[in-house]
């Protein structure tokens, strides 16, 4: 599993210790991890791309843009509010990437209503547990069982409308319904 950790550019001096902690904990789970820092930039951007950008901040946010496309799941460190990081978070959610928002002080679950997003307040003591739970929940299940079914024309019309409305395939829509029903339990 490929994980990208997006952090704001302007608050590195004060929050770097926490960014490093997130990266260290993720690497314990045998995942491929990249962070929106200089090392991440070197792995995601070609030298010609890096040279064409104006400054470190442009390189940082271009790295986030590429990291979102590269990763299977995303983690955004949201302690320091940052407009550009929020913009990239929105892009990630539009791509339907499972995304964890971490903050040292604020849980923003109620502010962002999206099935692919969850937010947690973390510290040094609970970070490992939060990451483990999120990684387990985000592990893609293999789609290896084929299932055929017959539908009425009314069902087919409804399914077409809903898949277009949610911008997903009909199969994904049915899978989402099953997963939501599984979460409700009996």
C-alpha atoms as a PDB file:
ATOM      1  CA  UNK A   1       0.000   0.000   0.000  1.00  0.00           C
ATOM      2  CA  UNK A   2       1.292   3.453  -0.961  1.00  0.00           C
ATOM      3  CA  UNK A   3       0.678   6.250   1.534  1.00  0.00           C
ATOM      4  CA  UNK A   4       1.320   9.930   1.026  1.00  0.00           C
ATOM      5  CA  UNK A   5       1.473  12.338   3.968  1.00  0.00           C
ATOM      6  CA  UNK A   6       0.619  15.934   3.100  1.00  0.00           C
ATOM      7  CA  UNK A   7       1.781  18.664   5.443  1.00  0.00           C
ATOM      8  CA  UNK A   8       1.539  22.459   5.281  1.00  0.00           C
ATOM      9  CA  UNK A   9       4.599  24.285   4.015  1.00  0.00           C
ATOM     10  CA  UNK A  10       4.732  27.226   6.396  1.00  0.00           C
ATOM     11  CA  UNK A  11       4.678  25.485   9.771  1.00  0.00           C
ATOM     12  CA  UNK A  12       7.563  23.036   9.384  1.00  0.00           C
ATOM     13  CA  UNK A  13       9.694  24.617  12.109  1.00  0.00           C
ATOM     14  CA  UNK A  14       7.095  24.152  14.841  1.00  0.00           C
ATOM     15  CA  UNK A  15       5.427  20.919  13.698  1.00  0.00           C
ATOM     16  CA  UNK A  16       8.289  18.980  12.054  1.00  0.00           C
ATOM     17  CA  UNK A  17       8.667  16.703  15.087  1.00  0.00           C
ATOM     18  CA  UNK A  18       5.065  15.526  14.572  1.00  0.00           C
ATOM     19  CA  UNK A  19       5.478  15.100  10.812  1.00  0.00           C
ATOM     20  CA  UNK A  20       8.501  12.890  11.502  1.00  0.00           C
ATOM     21  CA  UNK A  21       6.535  10.924  14.109  1.00  0.00           C
ATOM     22  CA  UNK A  22       3.734  10.206  11.614  1.00  0.00           C
ATOM     23  CA  UNK A  23       6.255   9.060   9.007  1.00  0.00           C
ATOM     24  CA  UNK A  24       8.098   6.810  11.497  1.00  0.00           C
ATOM     25  CA  UNK A  25       4.892   5.172  12.710  1.00  0.00           C
ATOM     26  CA  UNK A  26       3.663   4.532   9.159  1.00  0.00           C
ATOM     27  CA  UNK A  27       6.931   2.881   8.144  1.00  0.00           C
ATOM     28  CA  UNK A  28       6.420   0.330  10.944  1.00  0.00           C
ATOM     29  CA  UNK A  29       3.405  -0.985   9.023  1.00  0.00           C
ATOM     30  CA  UNK A  30       5.476  -2.068   5.994  1.00  0.00           C
ATOM     31  CA  UNK A  31       3.905   0.517   3.717  1.00  0.00           C
ATOM     32  CA  UNK A  32       5.521   2.606   1.039  1.00  0.00           C
ATOM     33  CA  UNK A  33       5.474   6.088   2.578  1.00  0.00           C
ATOM     34  CA  UNK A  34       6.251   9.476   1.055  1.00  0.00           C
ATOM     35  CA  UNK A  35       5.914  12.827   2.793  1.00  0.00           C
ATOM     36  CA  UNK A  36       5.571  16.285   1.246  1.00  0.00           C
ATOM     37  CA  UNK A  37       9.134  17.203   2.200  1.00  0.00           C
ATOM     38  CA  UNK A  38      12.357  17.517   0.215  1.00  0.00           C
ATOM     39  CA  UNK A  39      12.872  13.728   0.075  1.00  0.00           C
ATOM     40  CA  UNK A  40       9.320  13.233  -1.189  1.00  0.00           C
ATOM     41  CA  UNK A  41       9.866  15.938  -3.784  1.00  0.00           C
ATOM     42  CA  UNK A  42      12.960  14.185  -5.147  1.00  0.00           C
ATOM     43  CA  UNK A  43      11.010  10.930  -5.553  1.00  0.00           C
ATOM     44  CA  UNK A  44       7.875  12.400  -7.135  1.00  0.00           C
ATOM     45  CA  UNK A  45       9.178  15.271  -9.231  1.00  0.00           C
ATOM     46  CA  UNK A  46      11.628  15.099 -12.092  1.00  0.00           C
ATOM     47  CA  UNK A  47      14.615  17.447 -11.805  1.00  0.00           C
ATOM     48  CA  UNK A  48      13.344  19.491 -14.743  1.00  0.00           C
ATOM     49  CA  UNK A  49      10.003  19.944 -12.941  1.00  0.00           C
ATOM     50  CA  UNK A  50      11.725  21.044  -9.749  1.00  0.00           C
ATOM     51  CA  UNK A  51      13.880  23.539 -11.643  1.00  0.00           C
ATOM     52  CA  UNK A  52      10.855  25.034 -13.419  1.00  0.00           C
ATOM     53  CA  UNK A  53       9.122  25.908 -10.143  1.00  0.00           C
ATOM     54  CA  UNK A  54       9.745  29.286  -8.492  1.00  0.00           C
ATOM     55  CA  UNK A  55      10.562  28.379  -4.903  1.00  0.00           C
ATOM     56  CA  UNK A  56      10.368  25.768  -2.116  1.00  0.00           C
ATOM     57  CA  UNK A  57       6.696  26.458  -1.520  1.00  0.00           C
ATOM     58  CA  UNK A  58       5.802  25.764  -5.168  1.00  0.00           C
ATOM     59  CA  UNK A  59       7.868  22.556  -5.064  1.00  0.00           C
ATOM     60  CA  UNK A  60       6.128  21.552  -1.827  1.00  0.00           C
ATOM     61  CA  UNK A  61       2.596  21.929  -3.197  1.00  0.00           C
ATOM     62  CA  UNK A  62       3.470  20.361  -6.565  1.00  0.00           C
ATOM     63  CA  UNK A  63       4.784  17.389  -4.571  1.00  0.00           C
ATOM     64  CA  UNK A  64       1.428  17.153  -2.806  1.00  0.00           C
ATOM     65  CA  UNK A  65      -0.376  17.248  -6.163  1.00  0.00           C
ATOM     66  CA  UNK A  66       1.754  14.360  -7.470  1.00  0.00           C
ATOM     67  CA  UNK A  67       1.565  12.497  -4.155  1.00  0.00           C
ATOM     68  CA  UNK A  68      -2.228  12.493  -4.254  1.00  0.00           C
ATOM     69  CA  UNK A  69      -2.146  10.811  -7.664  1.00  0.00           C
ATOM     70  CA  UNK A  70       0.618   8.381  -6.620  1.00  0.00           C
ATOM     71  CA  UNK A  71      -0.860   7.160  -3.333  1.00  0.00           C
ATOM     72  CA  UNK A  72      -3.498   4.591  -2.508  1.00  0.00           C
ATOM     73  CA  UNK A  73      -4.438   6.416   0.691  1.00  0.00           C
ATOM     74  CA  UNK A  74      -3.627   9.857   2.047  1.00  0.00           C
ATOM     75  CA  UNK A  75      -2.912  11.432   5.393  1.00  0.00           C
ATOM     76  CA  UNK A  76      -3.184  15.191   5.829  1.00  0.00           C
ATOM     77  CA  UNK A  77      -1.655  16.864   8.883  1.00  0.00           C
ATOM     78  CA  UNK A  78      -4.212  19.598   9.562  1.00  0.00           C
ATOM     79  CA  UNK A  79      -3.050  21.157  12.831  1.00  0.00           C
ATOM     80  CA  UNK A  80      -2.035  24.391  11.094  1.00  0.00           C
ATOM     81  CA  UNK A  81      -4.785  25.711   8.856  1.00  0.00           C
ATOM     82  CA  UNK A  82      -3.487  26.193   5.345  1.00  0.00           C
ATOM     83  CA  UNK A  83      -5.603  27.238   2.359  1.00  0.00           C
ATOM     84  CA  UNK A  84      -3.539  25.377  -0.246  1.00  0.00           C
ATOM     85  CA  UNK A  85      -3.499  22.210   1.835  1.00  0.00           C
ATOM     86  CA  UNK A  86      -7.303  22.463   2.081  1.00  0.00           C
ATOM     87  CA  UNK A  87      -7.463  22.819  -1.698  1.00  0.00           C
ATOM     88  CA  UNK A  88      -5.417  19.634  -2.116  1.00  0.00           C
ATOM     89  CA  UNK A  89      -7.540  17.820   0.475  1.00  0.00           C
ATOM     90  CA  UNK A  90     -10.594  18.676  -1.619  1.00  0.00           C
ATOM     91  CA  UNK A  91      -8.851  17.330  -4.741  1.00  0.00           C
ATOM     92  CA  UNK A  92      -8.041  14.075  -2.935  1.00  0.00           C
ATOM     93  CA  UNK A  93     -11.644  13.626  -1.837  1.00  0.00           C
ATOM     94  CA  UNK A  94     -12.884  14.341  -5.371  1.00  0.00           C
ATOM     95  CA  UNK A  95     -10.662  11.468  -6.502  1.00  0.00           C
ATOM     96  CA  UNK A  96     -12.342   9.275  -3.843  1.00  0.00           C
ATOM     97  CA  UNK A  97      -9.069   8.548  -2.063  1.00  0.00           C
ATOM     98  CA  UNK A  98      -9.400   7.344   1.519  1.00  0.00           C
ATOM     99  CA  UNK A  99      -8.019  10.221   3.555  1.00  0.00           C
ATOM    100  CA  UNK A 100      -7.198  10.665   7.221  1.00  0.00           C
ATOM    101  CA  UNK A 101      -6.978  14.172   8.633  1.00  0.00           C
ATOM    102  CA  UNK A 102      -4.762  14.396  11.712  1.00  0.00           C
ATOM    103  CA  UNK A 103      -4.645  17.363  14.056  1.00  0.00           C
ATOM    104  CA  UNK A 104      -3.124  18.010  17.442  1.00  0.00           C
ATOM    105  CA  UNK A 105      -6.119  20.117  18.488  1.00  0.00           C
ATOM    106  CA  UNK A 106      -9.204  19.903  16.251  1.00  0.00           C
ATOM    107  CA  UNK A 107     -11.403  17.101  14.936  1.00  0.00           C
ATOM    108  CA  UNK A 108     -13.060  18.339  11.744  1.00  0.00           C
ATOM    109  CA  UNK A 109     -15.267  15.321  10.981  1.00  0.00           C
ATOM    110  CA  UNK A 110     -18.411  17.428  11.379  1.00  0.00           C
ATOM    111  CA  UNK A 111     -17.092  20.059   8.974  1.00  0.00           C
ATOM    112  CA  UNK A 112     -16.310  17.664   6.117  1.00  0.00           C
ATOM    113  CA  UNK A 113     -19.056  15.214   5.237  1.00  0.00           C
ATOM    114  CA  UNK A 114     -17.434  12.698   2.904  1.00  0.00           C
ATOM    115  CA  UNK A 115     -17.388   8.882   2.969  1.00  0.00           C
ATOM    116  CA  UNK A 116     -13.681   8.892   2.097  1.00  0.00           C
ATOM    117  CA  UNK A 117     -12.607  11.208   4.921  1.00  0.00           C
ATOM    118  CA  UNK A 118     -12.175  10.936   8.640  1.00  0.00           C
ATOM    119  CA  UNK A 119     -10.441  13.179  11.117  1.00  0.00           C
ATOM    120  CA  UNK A 120      -8.756  12.411  14.431  1.00  0.00           C
ATOM    121  CA  UNK A 121      -7.046  14.361  17.175  1.00  0.00           C
ATOM    122  CA  UNK A 122      -3.694  12.696  17.766  1.00  0.00           C
ATOM    123  CA  UNK A 123      -0.742  12.795  20.112  1.00  0.00           C
ATOM    124  CA  UNK A 124       2.375  10.703  20.643  1.00  0.00           C
ATOM    125  CA  UNK A 125       0.434   8.158  22.704  1.00  0.00           C
ATOM    126  CA  UNK A 126      -2.517   7.436  20.403  1.00  0.00           C
ATOM    127  CA  UNK A 127      -0.998   7.944  16.940  1.00  0.00           C
ATOM    128  CA  UNK A 128      -0.055   4.302  16.384  1.00  0.00           C
ATOM    129  CA  UNK A 129      -3.584   3.114  17.210  1.00  0.00           C
ATOM    130  CA  UNK A 130      -5.209   5.744  14.985  1.00  0.00           C
ATOM    131  CA  UNK A 131      -2.972   4.841  12.038  1.00  0.00           C
ATOM    132  CA  UNK A 132      -3.459   1.094  12.519  1.00  0.00           C
ATOM    133  CA  UNK A 133      -7.264   1.415  12.587  1.00  0.00           C
ATOM    134  CA  UNK A 134      -7.262   3.648   9.518  1.00  0.00           C
ATOM    135  CA  UNK A 135      -4.951   1.356   7.545  1.00  0.00           C
ATOM    136  CA  UNK A 136      -7.072  -1.695   8.354  1.00  0.00           C
ATOM    137  CA  UNK A 137     -10.232   0.126   7.318  1.00  0.00           C
ATOM    138  CA  UNK A 138      -8.590   1.434   4.133  1.00  0.00           C
ATOM    139  CA  UNK A 139      -7.141  -1.883   2.993  1.00  0.00           C
ATOM    140  CA  UNK A 140      -8.730  -2.504  -0.406  1.00  0.00           C
ATOM    141  CA  UNK A 141     -10.598  -5.763  -0.592  1.00  0.00           C
ATOM    142  CA  UNK A 142      -9.829  -7.849  -3.669  1.00  0.00           C
ATOM    143  CA  UNK A 143     -12.723  -7.954  -6.086  1.00  0.00           C
ATOM    144  CA  UNK A 144     -12.399 -11.583  -7.118  1.00  0.00           C
ATOM    145  CA  UNK A 145     -15.974 -12.878  -7.070  1.00  0.00           C
ATOM    146  CA  UNK A 146     -18.196 -12.310 -10.065  1.00  0.00           C
ATOM    147  CA  UNK A 147     -21.907 -11.986  -9.429  1.00  0.00           C
ATOM    148  CA  UNK A 148     -24.646 -11.654 -12.057  1.00  0.00           C
ATOM    149  CA  UNK A 149     -28.169 -10.478 -11.365  1.00  0.00           C
ATOM    150  CA  UNK A 150     -31.291  -9.626 -13.283  1.00  0.00           C
ATOM    151  CA  UNK A 151     -32.976  -6.244 -12.839  1.00  0.00           C
ATOM    152  CA  UNK A 152     -36.250  -4.785 -13.964  1.00  0.00           C
ATOM    153  CA  UNK A 153     -36.157  -1.769 -16.270  1.00  0.00           C
ATOM    154  CA  UNK A 154     -37.166   0.406 -13.303  1.00  0.00           C
ATOM    155  CA  UNK A 155     -34.233  -0.873 -11.249  1.00  0.00           C
ATOM    156  CA  UNK A 156     -31.862  -0.331 -14.159  1.00  0.00           C
ATOM    157  CA  UNK A 157     -33.099   3.237 -14.699  1.00  0.00           C
ATOM    158  CA  UNK A 158     -32.732   4.034 -10.998  1.00  0.00           C
ATOM    159  CA  UNK A 159     -29.246   2.483 -10.891  1.00  0.00           C
ATOM    160  CA  UNK A 160     -28.161   4.529 -13.919  1.00  0.00           C
ATOM    161  CA  UNK A 161     -29.444   7.758 -12.342  1.00  0.00           C
ATOM    162  CA  UNK A 162     -27.775   7.096  -8.998  1.00  0.00           C
ATOM    163  CA  UNK A 163     -24.432   6.124 -10.520  1.00  0.00           C
ATOM    164  CA  UNK A 164     -24.414   9.325 -12.600  1.00  0.00           C
ATOM    165  CA  UNK A 165     -25.531  11.416  -9.622  1.00  0.00           C
ATOM    166  CA  UNK A 166     -22.672  10.084  -7.454  1.00  0.00           C
ATOM    167  CA  UNK A 167     -20.220   9.933 -10.366  1.00  0.00           C
ATOM    168  CA  UNK A 168     -19.399   6.260  -9.825  1.00  0.00           C
ATOM    169  CA  UNK A 169     -19.968   3.059 -11.762  1.00  0.00           C
ATOM    170  CA  UNK A 170     -23.112   1.003 -11.216  1.00  0.00           C
ATOM    171  CA  UNK A 171     -21.009  -1.752  -9.652  1.00  0.00           C
ATOM    172  CA  UNK A 172     -19.404   0.706  -7.240  1.00  0.00           C
ATOM    173  CA  UNK A 173     -22.835   2.049  -6.309  1.00  0.00           C
ATOM    174  CA  UNK A 174     -24.123  -1.445  -5.463  1.00  0.00           C
ATOM    175  CA  UNK A 175     -20.915  -2.260  -3.537  1.00  0.00           C
ATOM    176  CA  UNK A 176     -21.310   1.006  -1.570  1.00  0.00           C
ATOM    177  CA  UNK A 177     -24.882   0.045  -0.657  1.00  0.00           C
ATOM    178  CA  UNK A 178     -23.721  -3.356   0.559  1.00  0.00           C
ATOM    179  CA  UNK A 179     -20.871  -1.821   2.595  1.00  0.00           C
ATOM    180  CA  UNK A 180     -23.208   0.750   4.200  1.00  0.00           C
ATOM    181  CA  UNK A 181     -25.608  -2.052   5.088  1.00  0.00           C
ATOM    182  CA  UNK A 182     -22.735  -4.085   6.568  1.00  0.00           C
ATOM    183  CA  UNK A 183     -21.711  -1.109   8.730  1.00  0.00           C
ATOM    184  CA  UNK A 184     -25.255  -0.763  10.116  1.00  0.00           C
ATOM    185  CA  UNK A 185     -25.222  -4.366  11.326  1.00  0.00           C
ATOM    186  CA  UNK A 186     -28.351  -6.280  12.272  1.00  0.00           C
END
